[in-house]
Amino acid sequence: MRAAGITGVHRRKQVRTTKPAPGADRHPNLVGRKFTAGSPNELSVTGRTYVPTWGVAYVCFIVDVFSRMIVGWRVAANMRTAMVLDAIEMARWSRGNTLPGLRCHSDAGSQFTSIRYGECLAEIGAVPFIGTVGQSYDNALAETVDGYYKAEPIYGPTRSGPWKTVEAVELATLSWVHWHNTARLHGYLDDVPPAEFEDTFYAGQRTDQTLVETQ
């Protein structure tokens, strides 16, 4: 790495963003750390991460487990439930008005145990699942995406200095999500980007269908 002029990226100390609501009813954890899916819109994971700025910024991603596609995201100056709902709305816009049968897995943060979060998922036909408190492995895929998001655009070599505003983080995240979905190679997907992986899946679905002759 030294000979090639390559250095590793340190992901820095993490700020705690999961604040469980004591006594709040939680949805079950039926995913059981099995982050696999047979098709898009079957299982998604979500969580929040912190980005240091001259103020404060929090980022929420919604990731489709099948293709690792980031289908919804939001950058905000707070961790209120509204930021999560905005990310869901983006996913709803990009994937369809209703997503019947979608399982949406998250950590045990108070945003994900709120009534508004449950109602928002119910509107699109999705079902919430929640991991155990204090067990990062229960939401390992979301934690992984947060990790390389921090390593690439946030602390990576292309940044010009400390992040000053939420708007600057939002603009960088917009560019990174597009690159992540359309160009970033994923080992889990046989080294193709999420968009290409989904295109291949849907192309296979079309060729498997029986053609109906028209008169």
N, C-alpha and C. Protein backbone atom coordinates (compact mmCIF):
# COMPACT_ATOMS: atom_id res chain seq x y z
N MET A 1 0.83 -1.20 0.00
CA MET A 1 0.00 0.00 0.00
C MET A 1 0.87 1.26 0.00
N ARG A 2 1.98 1.20 0.75
CA ARG A 2 2.87 2.36 0.80
C ARG A 2 3.47 2.63 -0.58
N ALA A 3 3.87 1.54 -1.26
CA ALA A 3 4.48 1.70 -2.59
C ALA A 3 3.48 2.27 -3.60
N ALA A 4 2.21 1.92 -3.42
CA ALA A 4 1.18 2.39 -4.35
C ALA A 4 0.59 3.74 -3.93
N GLY A 5 1.05 4.25 -2.79
CA GLY A 5 0.52 5.54 -2.33
C GLY A 5 -0.89 5.44 -1.77
N ILE A 6 -1.22 4.27 -1.21
CA ILE A 6 -2.56 4.03 -0.70
C ILE A 6 -2.53 4.02 0.83
N THR A 7 -3.47 4.70 1.43
CA THR A 7 -3.60 4.67 2.89
C THR A 7 -5.02 4.30 3.26
N GLY A 8 -5.16 3.65 4.41
CA GLY A 8 -6.48 3.28 4.89
C GLY A 8 -7.23 4.47 5.46
N VAL A 9 -8.54 4.33 5.53
CA VAL A 9 -9.39 5.39 6.08
C VAL A 9 -9.86 4.96 7.46
N HIS A 10 -9.63 5.82 8.44
CA HIS A 10 -10.08 5.54 9.81
C HIS A 10 -11.52 6.01 9.96
N ARG A 11 -12.39 5.14 10.48
CA ARG A 11 -13.81 5.49 10.57
C ARG A 11 -14.17 6.34 11.78
N ARG A 12 -13.22 6.67 12.58
CA ARG A 12 -13.40 7.55 13.73
C ARG A 12 -14.29 6.95 14.81
N LYS A 13 -14.30 7.63 15.94
CA LYS A 13 -15.12 7.19 17.06
C LYS A 13 -16.58 7.44 16.74
N GLN A 14 -17.43 6.46 17.03
CA GLN A 14 -18.84 6.58 16.72
C GLN A 14 -19.59 7.28 17.86
N VAL A 15 -20.53 8.13 17.47
CA VAL A 15 -21.41 8.78 18.43
C VAL A 15 -22.68 7.96 18.56
N ARG A 16 -23.14 7.76 19.77
CA ARG A 16 -24.31 6.93 19.98
C ARG A 16 -25.55 7.63 19.43
N THR A 17 -26.24 6.97 18.50
CA THR A 17 -27.45 7.53 17.91
C THR A 17 -28.69 6.71 18.22
N THR A 18 -28.52 5.55 18.85
CA THR A 18 -29.67 4.71 19.21
C THR A 18 -30.06 5.01 20.65
N LYS A 19 -31.21 5.61 20.82
CA LYS A 19 -31.72 5.93 22.14
C LYS A 19 -33.01 5.16 22.36
N PRO A 20 -32.95 4.00 22.98
CA PRO A 20 -34.15 3.19 23.17
C PRO A 20 -35.14 3.89 24.08
N ALA A 21 -36.43 3.63 23.82
CA ALA A 21 -37.48 4.19 24.66
C ALA A 21 -37.86 3.15 25.70
N PRO A 22 -37.45 3.32 26.96
CA PRO A 22 -37.76 2.33 28.00
C PRO A 22 -39.26 2.15 28.16
N GLY A 23 -39.71 0.92 28.19
CA GLY A 23 -41.12 0.65 28.39
C GLY A 23 -41.96 0.70 27.13
N ALA A 24 -41.38 1.15 26.01
CA ALA A 24 -42.16 1.22 24.77
C ALA A 24 -42.31 -0.18 24.17
N ASP A 25 -43.49 -0.45 23.64
CA ASP A 25 -43.72 -1.73 22.97
C ASP A 25 -42.85 -1.80 21.71
N ARG A 26 -42.23 -2.95 21.49
CA ARG A 26 -41.37 -3.11 20.32
C ARG A 26 -41.89 -4.23 19.44
N HIS A 27 -41.70 -4.04 18.15
CA HIS A 27 -42.04 -5.10 17.21
C HIS A 27 -41.02 -6.22 17.33
N PRO A 28 -41.38 -7.44 16.95
CA PRO A 28 -40.46 -8.57 17.13
C PRO A 28 -39.27 -8.50 16.18
N ASN A 29 -38.23 -9.23 16.53
CA ASN A 29 -37.06 -9.35 15.67
C ASN A 29 -37.12 -10.72 15.00
N LEU A 30 -37.78 -10.78 13.85
CA LEU A 30 -37.94 -12.05 13.13
C LEU A 30 -36.89 -12.24 12.04
N VAL A 31 -36.02 -11.24 11.86
CA VAL A 31 -34.97 -11.37 10.85
C VAL A 31 -33.86 -12.29 11.36
N GLY A 32 -33.56 -12.19 12.66
CA GLY A 32 -32.57 -13.08 13.25
C GLY A 32 -31.20 -13.01 12.63
N ARG A 33 -30.78 -11.82 12.25
CA ARG A 33 -29.45 -11.60 11.66
C ARG A 33 -29.24 -12.31 10.33
N LYS A 34 -30.32 -12.71 9.67
CA LYS A 34 -30.24 -13.35 8.35
C LYS A 34 -30.59 -12.30 7.31
N PHE A 35 -29.57 -11.56 6.89
CA PHE A 35 -29.79 -10.46 5.97
C PHE A 35 -29.70 -10.93 4.52
N THR A 36 -30.68 -11.73 4.14
CA THR A 36 -30.78 -12.23 2.77
C THR A 36 -32.21 -12.07 2.29
N ALA A 37 -32.37 -11.94 0.99
CA ALA A 37 -33.70 -11.82 0.39
C ALA A 37 -33.64 -12.38 -1.02
N GLY A 38 -34.76 -12.91 -1.49
CA GLY A 38 -34.80 -13.53 -2.80
C GLY A 38 -35.19 -12.59 -3.92
N SER A 39 -35.64 -11.38 -3.58
CA SER A 39 -36.07 -10.43 -4.60
C SER A 39 -36.08 -9.03 -3.99
N PRO A 40 -36.14 -7.99 -4.83
CA PRO A 40 -36.24 -6.63 -4.30
C PRO A 40 -37.55 -6.43 -3.53
N ASN A 41 -37.56 -5.44 -2.65
CA ASN A 41 -38.75 -5.05 -1.88
C ASN A 41 -39.27 -6.16 -0.98
N GLU A 42 -38.38 -7.03 -0.56
CA GLU A 42 -38.75 -8.13 0.34
C GLU A 42 -38.30 -7.84 1.77
N LEU A 43 -37.08 -7.31 1.91
CA LEU A 43 -36.53 -7.00 3.22
C LEU A 43 -35.64 -5.77 3.10
N SER A 44 -35.82 -4.82 3.99
CA SER A 44 -34.95 -3.64 4.02
C SER A 44 -34.44 -3.43 5.44
N VAL A 45 -33.33 -2.71 5.55
CA VAL A 45 -32.78 -2.36 6.86
C VAL A 45 -32.58 -0.86 6.92
N THR A 46 -32.66 -0.32 8.12
CA THR A 46 -32.50 1.12 8.28
C THR A 46 -31.88 1.42 9.63
N GLY A 47 -31.33 2.60 9.74
CA GLY A 47 -30.73 3.07 10.98
C GLY A 47 -30.29 4.51 10.80
N ARG A 48 -29.59 5.06 11.78
CA ARG A 48 -29.10 6.41 11.67
C ARG A 48 -27.63 6.47 12.05
N THR A 49 -26.93 7.46 11.50
CA THR A 49 -25.54 7.68 11.86
C THR A 49 -25.28 9.17 11.99
N TYR A 50 -24.18 9.50 12.67
CA TYR A 50 -23.86 10.89 12.98
C TYR A 50 -22.70 11.37 12.12
N VAL A 51 -22.80 12.61 11.62
CA VAL A 51 -21.71 13.22 10.87
C VAL A 51 -21.32 14.52 11.57
N PRO A 52 -20.06 14.66 12.01
CA PRO A 52 -19.66 15.90 12.68
C PRO A 52 -19.58 17.07 11.71
N THR A 53 -20.18 18.16 12.06
CA THR A 53 -20.11 19.41 11.30
C THR A 53 -19.83 20.53 12.29
N TRP A 54 -19.87 21.77 11.82
CA TRP A 54 -19.74 22.89 12.74
C TRP A 54 -20.97 22.96 13.64
N GLY A 55 -22.03 22.30 13.21
CA GLY A 55 -23.21 22.12 14.05
C GLY A 55 -23.36 20.64 14.32
N VAL A 56 -24.40 20.03 13.76
CA VAL A 56 -24.60 18.59 13.92
C VAL A 56 -25.43 18.09 12.75
N ALA A 57 -25.17 16.88 12.28
CA ALA A 57 -25.94 16.29 11.18
C ALA A 57 -26.13 14.80 11.46
N TYR A 58 -27.30 14.32 11.13
CA TYR A 58 -27.62 12.89 11.25
C TYR A 58 -28.12 12.40 9.89
N VAL A 59 -27.77 11.17 9.57
CA VAL A 59 -28.13 10.60 8.28
C VAL A 59 -28.86 9.28 8.50
N CYS A 60 -29.95 9.10 7.75
CA CYS A 60 -30.72 7.86 7.80
C CYS A 60 -30.76 7.25 6.41
N PHE A 61 -30.40 5.97 6.30
CA PHE A 61 -30.47 5.25 5.03
C PHE A 61 -31.49 4.12 5.15
N ILE A 62 -32.18 3.82 4.05
CA ILE A 62 -33.00 2.62 3.93
C ILE A 62 -32.40 1.79 2.80
N VAL A 63 -31.98 0.57 3.13
CA VAL A 63 -31.22 -0.27 2.19
C VAL A 63 -32.02 -1.52 1.87
N ASP A 64 -32.20 -1.80 0.58
CA ASP A 64 -32.83 -3.04 0.15
C ASP A 64 -31.83 -4.18 0.31
N VAL A 65 -32.17 -5.18 1.08
CA VAL A 65 -31.24 -6.26 1.40
C VAL A 65 -30.87 -7.08 0.17
N PHE A 66 -31.79 -7.28 -0.74
CA PHE A 66 -31.54 -8.12 -1.91
C PHE A 66 -30.39 -7.57 -2.75
N SER A 67 -30.43 -6.28 -3.04
CA SER A 67 -29.46 -5.69 -3.96
C SER A 67 -28.51 -4.70 -3.31
N ARG A 68 -28.68 -4.43 -2.00
CA ARG A 68 -27.89 -3.40 -1.30
C ARG A 68 -28.16 -2.00 -1.87
N MET A 69 -29.24 -1.83 -2.60
CA MET A 69 -29.61 -0.54 -3.13
C MET A 69 -30.09 0.37 -2.00
N ILE A 70 -29.58 1.60 -1.96
CA ILE A 70 -30.11 2.59 -1.02
C ILE A 70 -31.34 3.19 -1.68
N VAL A 71 -32.51 2.87 -1.15
CA VAL A 71 -33.77 3.27 -1.79
C VAL A 71 -34.35 4.52 -1.17
N GLY A 72 -33.86 4.90 0.01
CA GLY A 72 -34.33 6.12 0.66
C GLY A 72 -33.28 6.62 1.62
N TRP A 73 -33.19 7.94 1.79
CA TRP A 73 -32.21 8.51 2.73
C TRP A 73 -32.64 9.91 3.10
N ARG A 74 -32.08 10.40 4.18
CA ARG A 74 -32.39 11.76 4.64
C ARG A 74 -31.25 12.25 5.52
N VAL A 75 -30.86 13.51 5.32
CA VAL A 75 -29.90 14.19 6.18
C VAL A 75 -30.64 15.28 6.93
N ALA A 76 -30.44 15.38 8.24
CA ALA A 76 -31.16 16.36 9.05
C ALA A 76 -30.28 16.82 10.20
N ALA A 77 -30.69 17.92 10.81
CA ALA A 77 -29.95 18.47 11.95
C ALA A 77 -30.44 17.92 13.28
N ASN A 78 -31.29 16.90 13.23
CA ASN A 78 -31.83 16.31 14.45
C ASN A 78 -32.12 14.83 14.21
N MET A 79 -32.48 14.13 15.28
CA MET A 79 -32.80 12.70 15.18
C MET A 79 -34.29 12.44 15.39
N ARG A 80 -35.13 13.41 15.08
CA ARG A 80 -36.55 13.23 15.29
C ARG A 80 -37.11 12.18 14.32
N THR A 81 -38.27 11.65 14.66
CA THR A 81 -38.91 10.61 13.84
C THR A 81 -39.15 11.10 12.42
N ALA A 82 -39.36 12.41 12.25
CA ALA A 82 -39.67 12.96 10.93
C ALA A 82 -38.59 12.65 9.90
N MET A 83 -37.32 12.61 10.32
CA MET A 83 -36.26 12.34 9.35
C MET A 83 -36.37 10.91 8.82
N VAL A 84 -36.75 9.98 9.68
CA VAL A 84 -36.94 8.59 9.25
C VAL A 84 -38.13 8.49 8.31
N LEU A 85 -39.21 9.21 8.63
CA LEU A 85 -40.40 9.19 7.77
C LEU A 85 -40.10 9.77 6.40
N ASP A 86 -39.25 10.79 6.36
CA ASP A 86 -38.85 11.37 5.06
C ASP A 86 -38.09 10.34 4.22
N ALA A 87 -37.23 9.57 4.87
CA ALA A 87 -36.49 8.53 4.15
C ALA A 87 -37.44 7.46 3.62
N ILE A 88 -38.47 7.13 4.40
CA ILE A 88 -39.46 6.16 3.95
C ILE A 88 -40.23 6.70 2.75
N GLU A 89 -40.57 7.98 2.80
CA GLU A 89 -41.28 8.60 1.67
C GLU A 89 -40.45 8.55 0.40
N MET A 90 -39.13 8.75 0.53
CA MET A 90 -38.27 8.64 -0.64
C MET A 90 -38.27 7.22 -1.18
N ALA A 91 -38.21 6.24 -0.28
CA ALA A 91 -38.26 4.84 -0.70
C ALA A 91 -39.59 4.54 -1.38
N ARG A 92 -40.65 5.11 -0.84
CA ARG A 92 -41.98 4.91 -1.42
C ARG A 92 -42.05 5.49 -2.82
N TRP A 93 -41.44 6.65 -2.99
CA TRP A 93 -41.43 7.29 -4.31
C TRP A 93 -40.60 6.50 -5.31
N SER A 94 -39.46 5.95 -4.86
CA SER A 94 -38.56 5.26 -5.79
C SER A 94 -38.99 3.83 -6.08
N ARG A 95 -39.74 3.20 -5.16
CA ARG A 95 -40.10 1.80 -5.31
C ARG A 95 -41.57 1.56 -5.62
N GLY A 96 -42.43 2.52 -5.38
CA GLY A 96 -43.86 2.32 -5.62
C GLY A 96 -44.67 2.79 -4.43
N ASN A 97 -45.92 3.16 -4.69
CA ASN A 97 -46.76 3.72 -3.64
C ASN A 97 -47.02 2.72 -2.51
N THR A 98 -47.11 1.45 -2.85
CA THR A 98 -47.30 0.42 -1.82
C THR A 98 -46.26 -0.67 -1.99
N LEU A 99 -45.81 -1.20 -0.87
CA LEU A 99 -44.81 -2.27 -0.88
C LEU A 99 -45.31 -3.40 0.00
N PRO A 100 -46.37 -4.08 -0.44
CA PRO A 100 -46.99 -5.11 0.41
C PRO A 100 -46.01 -6.23 0.74
N GLY A 101 -45.96 -6.58 2.02
CA GLY A 101 -45.10 -7.68 2.45
C GLY A 101 -43.68 -7.28 2.77
N LEU A 102 -43.31 -6.02 2.53
CA LEU A 102 -41.95 -5.58 2.84
C LEU A 102 -41.70 -5.66 4.35
N ARG A 103 -40.60 -6.28 4.74
CA ARG A 103 -40.18 -6.30 6.13
C ARG A 103 -39.09 -5.25 6.31
N CYS A 104 -39.32 -4.31 7.20
CA CYS A 104 -38.38 -3.22 7.42
C CYS A 104 -37.74 -3.38 8.79
N HIS A 105 -36.45 -3.73 8.80
CA HIS A 105 -35.74 -4.04 10.05
C HIS A 105 -34.93 -2.83 10.50
N SER A 106 -34.93 -2.57 11.80
CA SER A 106 -34.22 -1.43 12.35
C SER A 106 -33.65 -1.78 13.72
N ASP A 107 -32.93 -0.83 14.31
CA ASP A 107 -32.50 -0.99 15.70
C ASP A 107 -33.66 -0.57 16.61
N ALA A 108 -33.37 -0.49 17.90
CA ALA A 108 -34.44 -0.24 18.88
C ALA A 108 -34.54 1.23 19.26
N GLY A 109 -34.07 2.12 18.39
CA GLY A 109 -34.17 3.55 18.67
C GLY A 109 -35.62 4.01 18.82
N SER A 110 -35.81 5.08 19.57
CA SER A 110 -37.17 5.55 19.84
C SER A 110 -37.91 5.97 18.58
N GLN A 111 -37.16 6.38 17.53
CA GLN A 111 -37.82 6.73 16.27
C GLN A 111 -38.56 5.54 15.67
N PHE A 112 -37.99 4.34 15.88
CA PHE A 112 -38.53 3.14 15.26
C PHE A 112 -39.57 2.43 16.13
N THR A 113 -39.70 2.89 17.35
CA THR A 113 -40.77 2.35 18.20
C THR A 113 -41.95 3.31 18.29
N SER A 114 -41.85 4.43 17.59
CA SER A 114 -42.91 5.44 17.66
C SER A 114 -44.16 5.01 16.88
N ILE A 115 -45.27 5.56 17.29
CA ILE A 115 -46.54 5.26 16.62
C ILE A 115 -46.52 5.76 15.18
N ARG A 116 -45.94 6.92 14.96
CA ARG A 116 -45.90 7.51 13.62
C ARG A 116 -45.12 6.62 12.65
N TYR A 117 -44.03 6.04 13.12
CA TYR A 117 -43.23 5.15 12.27
C TYR A 117 -44.05 3.92 11.88
N GLY A 118 -44.71 3.30 12.85
CA GLY A 118 -45.53 2.13 12.56
C GLY A 118 -46.66 2.44 11.62
N GLU A 119 -47.30 3.61 11.80
CA GLU A 119 -48.40 4.00 10.92
C GLU A 119 -47.91 4.25 9.50
N CYS A 120 -46.73 4.86 9.37
CA CYS A 120 -46.17 5.15 8.04
C CYS A 120 -45.89 3.86 7.27
N LEU A 121 -45.32 2.86 7.96
CA LEU A 121 -45.06 1.58 7.30
C LEU A 121 -46.37 0.88 6.94
N ALA A 122 -47.36 0.96 7.84
CA ALA A 122 -48.65 0.31 7.57
C ALA A 122 -49.30 0.88 6.32
N GLU A 123 -49.12 2.17 6.07
CA GLU A 123 -49.72 2.81 4.89
C GLU A 123 -49.20 2.21 3.60
N ILE A 124 -47.95 1.74 3.59
CA ILE A 124 -47.40 1.17 2.36
C ILE A 124 -47.41 -0.36 2.38
N GLY A 125 -48.02 -0.94 3.42
CA GLY A 125 -48.13 -2.39 3.50
C GLY A 125 -46.92 -3.08 4.08
N ALA A 126 -46.00 -2.31 4.69
CA ALA A 126 -44.77 -2.88 5.24
C ALA A 126 -44.95 -3.26 6.70
N VAL A 127 -44.09 -4.14 7.17
CA VAL A 127 -44.15 -4.63 8.55
C VAL A 127 -42.82 -4.32 9.24
N PRO A 128 -42.83 -3.65 10.41
CA PRO A 128 -41.57 -3.34 11.10
C PRO A 128 -41.06 -4.49 11.95
N PHE A 129 -39.75 -4.72 11.90
CA PHE A 129 -39.06 -5.64 12.80
C PHE A 129 -37.97 -4.85 13.52
N ILE A 130 -37.72 -5.15 14.77
CA ILE A 130 -36.77 -4.37 15.56
C ILE A 130 -35.80 -5.30 16.28
N GLY A 131 -34.51 -4.94 16.23
CA GLY A 131 -33.48 -5.73 16.89
C GLY A 131 -33.45 -5.49 18.39
N THR A 132 -32.57 -6.24 19.06
CA THR A 132 -32.46 -6.13 20.52
C THR A 132 -31.65 -4.89 20.90
N VAL A 133 -31.93 -4.34 22.07
CA VAL A 133 -31.20 -3.19 22.56
C VAL A 133 -29.75 -3.57 22.84
N GLY A 134 -28.81 -2.75 22.35
CA GLY A 134 -27.39 -2.96 22.63
C GLY A 134 -26.73 -4.05 21.82
N GLN A 135 -27.41 -4.58 20.80
CA GLN A 135 -26.83 -5.64 19.95
C GLN A 135 -26.67 -5.11 18.53
N SER A 136 -25.48 -4.57 18.23
CA SER A 136 -25.26 -4.00 16.90
C SER A 136 -25.35 -5.05 15.80
N TYR A 137 -25.04 -6.32 16.14
CA TYR A 137 -25.09 -7.38 15.13
C TYR A 137 -26.52 -7.61 14.64
N ASP A 138 -27.51 -7.25 15.45
CA ASP A 138 -28.90 -7.43 15.03
C ASP A 138 -29.26 -6.52 13.85
N ASN A 139 -28.47 -5.46 13.66
CA ASN A 139 -28.70 -4.58 12.53
C ASN A 139 -27.39 -4.37 11.77
N ALA A 140 -26.66 -5.48 11.60
CA ALA A 140 -25.29 -5.42 11.08
C ALA A 140 -25.21 -4.84 9.67
N LEU A 141 -26.17 -5.13 8.81
CA LEU A 141 -26.09 -4.63 7.43
C LEU A 141 -26.21 -3.11 7.40
N ALA A 142 -27.15 -2.56 8.15
CA ALA A 142 -27.28 -1.10 8.21
C ALA A 142 -26.02 -0.47 8.79
N GLU A 143 -25.43 -1.12 9.81
CA GLU A 143 -24.20 -0.62 10.41
C GLU A 143 -23.05 -0.66 9.39
N THR A 144 -23.03 -1.68 8.55
CA THR A 144 -21.99 -1.79 7.52
C THR A 144 -22.08 -0.65 6.51
N VAL A 145 -23.30 -0.37 6.04
CA VAL A 145 -23.48 0.73 5.09
C VAL A 145 -23.07 2.05 5.72
N ASP A 146 -23.48 2.28 6.97
CA ASP A 146 -23.06 3.49 7.67
C ASP A 146 -21.54 3.57 7.75
N GLY A 147 -20.89 2.42 7.96
CA GLY A 147 -19.44 2.38 8.10
C GLY A 147 -18.72 2.81 6.83
N TYR A 148 -19.10 2.25 5.69
CA TYR A 148 -18.37 2.64 4.49
C TYR A 148 -18.84 3.98 3.93
N TYR A 149 -20.01 4.43 4.33
CA TYR A 149 -20.41 5.82 4.04
C TYR A 149 -19.46 6.79 4.76
N LYS A 150 -19.16 6.48 6.03
CA LYS A 150 -18.22 7.32 6.77
C LYS A 150 -16.81 7.25 6.15
N ALA A 151 -16.41 6.04 5.74
CA ALA A 151 -15.06 5.85 5.22
C ALA A 151 -14.86 6.48 3.85
N GLU A 152 -15.92 6.60 3.07
CA GLU A 152 -15.77 7.08 1.69
C GLU A 152 -16.03 8.59 1.55
N PRO A 153 -17.27 9.06 1.53
CA PRO A 153 -17.43 10.50 1.32
C PRO A 153 -17.13 11.37 2.55
N ILE A 154 -17.39 10.84 3.76
CA ILE A 154 -17.29 11.70 4.94
C ILE A 154 -15.84 11.90 5.38
N TYR A 155 -15.07 10.82 5.51
CA TYR A 155 -13.67 10.95 5.93
C TYR A 155 -12.70 10.60 4.81
N GLY A 156 -13.20 10.34 3.61
CA GLY A 156 -12.35 9.92 2.51
C GLY A 156 -11.45 11.02 1.98
N PRO A 157 -10.57 10.69 1.04
CA PRO A 157 -9.57 11.64 0.54
C PRO A 157 -10.14 12.77 -0.30
N THR A 158 -11.38 12.67 -0.77
CA THR A 158 -11.93 13.70 -1.65
C THR A 158 -12.50 14.89 -0.88
N ARG A 159 -12.70 14.76 0.41
CA ARG A 159 -13.26 15.89 1.15
C ARG A 159 -12.22 16.99 1.29
N SER A 160 -12.67 18.25 1.26
CA SER A 160 -11.75 19.39 1.27
C SER A 160 -11.43 19.89 2.67
N GLY A 161 -12.14 19.44 3.67
CA GLY A 161 -11.91 19.91 5.03
C GLY A 161 -13.06 19.51 5.92
N PRO A 162 -13.13 20.08 7.12
CA PRO A 162 -14.25 19.74 8.01
C PRO A 162 -15.59 20.10 7.39
N TRP A 163 -16.59 19.27 7.66
CA TRP A 163 -17.93 19.57 7.17
C TRP A 163 -18.51 20.73 7.98
N LYS A 164 -18.98 21.74 7.26
CA LYS A 164 -19.44 22.95 7.95
C LYS A 164 -20.94 22.96 8.19
N THR A 165 -21.72 22.50 7.21
CA THR A 165 -23.18 22.62 7.31
C THR A 165 -23.87 21.31 6.98
N VAL A 166 -25.12 21.22 7.42
CA VAL A 166 -25.96 20.07 7.06
C VAL A 166 -26.16 20.03 5.56
N GLU A 167 -26.31 21.18 4.94
CA GLU A 167 -26.52 21.24 3.49
C GLU A 167 -25.33 20.68 2.72
N ALA A 168 -24.12 20.93 3.21
CA ALA A 168 -22.92 20.39 2.55
C ALA A 168 -22.90 18.87 2.65
N VAL A 169 -23.26 18.35 3.81
CA VAL A 169 -23.32 16.89 3.98
C VAL A 169 -24.40 16.30 3.08
N GLU A 170 -25.54 16.99 2.98
CA GLU A 170 -26.63 16.50 2.15
C GLU A 170 -26.23 16.42 0.68
N LEU A 171 -25.54 17.44 0.20
CA LEU A 171 -25.11 17.44 -1.20
C LEU A 171 -24.10 16.33 -1.47
N ALA A 172 -23.16 16.13 -0.54
CA ALA A 172 -22.18 15.06 -0.70
C ALA A 172 -22.85 13.69 -0.64
N THR A 173 -23.85 13.56 0.22
CA THR A 173 -24.57 12.28 0.35
C THR A 173 -25.37 11.98 -0.91
N LEU A 174 -25.98 12.99 -1.49
CA LEU A 174 -26.72 12.82 -2.74
C LEU A 174 -25.83 12.24 -3.83
N SER A 175 -24.65 12.81 -3.98
CA SER A 175 -23.71 12.34 -5.00
C SER A 175 -23.24 10.93 -4.69
N TRP A 176 -22.94 10.67 -3.40
CA TRP A 176 -22.43 9.35 -3.02
C TRP A 176 -23.47 8.27 -3.20
N VAL A 177 -24.74 8.53 -2.85
CA VAL A 177 -25.79 7.53 -3.00
C VAL A 177 -25.96 7.14 -4.46
N HIS A 178 -25.92 8.13 -5.35
CA HIS A 178 -26.02 7.83 -6.79
C HIS A 178 -24.87 6.93 -7.22
N TRP A 179 -23.64 7.26 -6.78
CA TRP A 179 -22.47 6.44 -7.13
C TRP A 179 -22.59 5.06 -6.50
N HIS A 180 -23.03 5.00 -5.26
CA HIS A 180 -23.18 3.72 -4.56
C HIS A 180 -24.14 2.80 -5.32
N ASN A 181 -25.24 3.34 -5.79
CA ASN A 181 -26.27 2.53 -6.44
C ASN A 181 -25.93 2.16 -7.88
N THR A 182 -25.19 3.01 -8.57
CA THR A 182 -25.00 2.80 -10.01
C THR A 182 -23.58 2.43 -10.41
N ALA A 183 -22.59 2.64 -9.53
CA ALA A 183 -21.21 2.40 -9.95
C ALA A 183 -20.37 1.64 -8.93
N ARG A 184 -20.71 1.69 -7.66
CA ARG A 184 -19.88 1.04 -6.65
C ARG A 184 -19.99 -0.48 -6.78
N LEU A 185 -18.85 -1.16 -6.84
CA LEU A 185 -18.85 -2.61 -6.97
C LEU A 185 -19.00 -3.25 -5.59
N HIS A 186 -19.90 -4.23 -5.47
CA HIS A 186 -20.16 -4.89 -4.20
C HIS A 186 -19.78 -6.37 -4.30
N GLY A 187 -18.91 -6.81 -3.44
CA GLY A 187 -18.50 -8.21 -3.45
C GLY A 187 -19.66 -9.15 -3.25
N TYR A 188 -20.62 -8.76 -2.41
CA TYR A 188 -21.79 -9.59 -2.16
C TYR A 188 -22.60 -9.80 -3.44
N LEU A 189 -22.52 -8.86 -4.38
CA LEU A 189 -23.30 -8.92 -5.62
C LEU A 189 -22.44 -9.39 -6.79
N ASP A 190 -21.40 -10.15 -6.52
CA ASP A 190 -20.48 -10.62 -7.57
C ASP A 190 -19.83 -9.45 -8.29
N ASP A 191 -19.48 -8.43 -7.52
CA ASP A 191 -18.73 -7.27 -8.02
C ASP A 191 -19.46 -6.50 -9.12
N VAL A 192 -20.75 -6.29 -8.92
CA VAL A 192 -21.50 -5.39 -9.79
C VAL A 192 -22.26 -4.40 -8.90
N PRO A 193 -22.65 -3.24 -9.44
CA PRO A 193 -23.39 -2.26 -8.65
C PRO A 193 -24.83 -2.74 -8.39
N PRO A 194 -25.49 -2.21 -7.38
CA PRO A 194 -26.87 -2.60 -7.07
C PRO A 194 -27.83 -2.44 -8.24
N ALA A 195 -27.74 -1.33 -8.97
CA ALA A 195 -28.67 -1.10 -10.08
C ALA A 195 -28.52 -2.18 -11.15
N GLU A 196 -27.28 -2.54 -11.47
CA GLU A 196 -27.04 -3.59 -12.47
C GLU A 196 -27.54 -4.95 -11.96
N PHE A 197 -27.34 -5.19 -10.67
CA PHE A 197 -27.78 -6.45 -10.08
C PHE A 197 -29.31 -6.59 -10.18
N GLU A 198 -30.02 -5.50 -9.91
CA GLU A 198 -31.48 -5.54 -10.01
C GLU A 198 -31.93 -5.66 -11.47
N ASP A 199 -31.25 -4.96 -12.37
CA ASP A 199 -31.61 -5.06 -13.80
C ASP A 199 -31.48 -6.50 -14.28
N THR A 200 -30.41 -7.18 -13.87
CA THR A 200 -30.22 -8.57 -14.26
C THR A 200 -31.33 -9.45 -13.70
N PHE A 201 -31.72 -9.18 -12.46
CA PHE A 201 -32.80 -9.96 -11.84
C PHE A 201 -34.10 -9.78 -12.61
N TYR A 202 -34.46 -8.55 -12.92
CA TYR A 202 -35.73 -8.31 -13.62
C TYR A 202 -35.68 -8.82 -15.07
N ALA A 203 -34.51 -8.77 -15.69
CA ALA A 203 -34.39 -9.32 -17.04
C ALA A 203 -34.62 -10.82 -17.01
N GLY A 204 -34.11 -11.48 -15.98
CA GLY A 204 -34.35 -12.92 -15.85
C GLY A 204 -35.81 -13.24 -15.60
N GLN A 205 -36.50 -12.38 -14.86
CA GLN A 205 -37.92 -12.59 -14.62
C GLN A 205 -38.72 -12.49 -15.91
N ARG A 206 -38.32 -11.57 -16.79
CA ARG A 206 -39.04 -11.40 -18.05
C ARG A 206 -38.83 -12.58 -18.99
N THR A 207 -37.60 -13.11 -19.05
CA THR A 207 -37.33 -14.21 -19.96
C THR A 207 -37.94 -15.51 -19.46
N ASP A 208 -38.24 -15.59 -18.16
CA ASP A 208 -38.86 -16.79 -17.59
C ASP A 208 -40.35 -16.84 -17.85
N GLN A 209 -40.94 -15.72 -18.24
CA GLN A 209 -42.39 -15.68 -18.43
C GLN A 209 -42.77 -16.32 -19.77
N THR A 210 -43.90 -17.00 -19.78
CA THR A 210 -44.40 -17.64 -20.99
C THR A 210 -45.00 -16.59 -21.91
N LEU A 211 -44.58 -16.59 -23.18
CA LEU A 211 -45.11 -15.65 -24.15
C LEU A 211 -46.49 -16.10 -24.60
N VAL A 212 -47.40 -15.15 -24.70
CA VAL A 212 -48.77 -15.44 -25.14
C VAL A 212 -48.94 -14.93 -26.57
N GLU A 213 -49.32 -15.82 -27.45
CA GLU A 213 -49.47 -15.44 -28.85
C GLU A 213 -50.78 -14.67 -29.02
N THR A 214 -50.69 -13.58 -29.78
CA THR A 214 -51.89 -12.78 -30.06
C THR A 214 -52.37 -13.08 -31.47
N GLN A 215 -53.67 -13.06 -31.65
CA GLN A 215 -54.25 -13.34 -32.97
C GLN A 215 -54.43 -12.04 -33.75
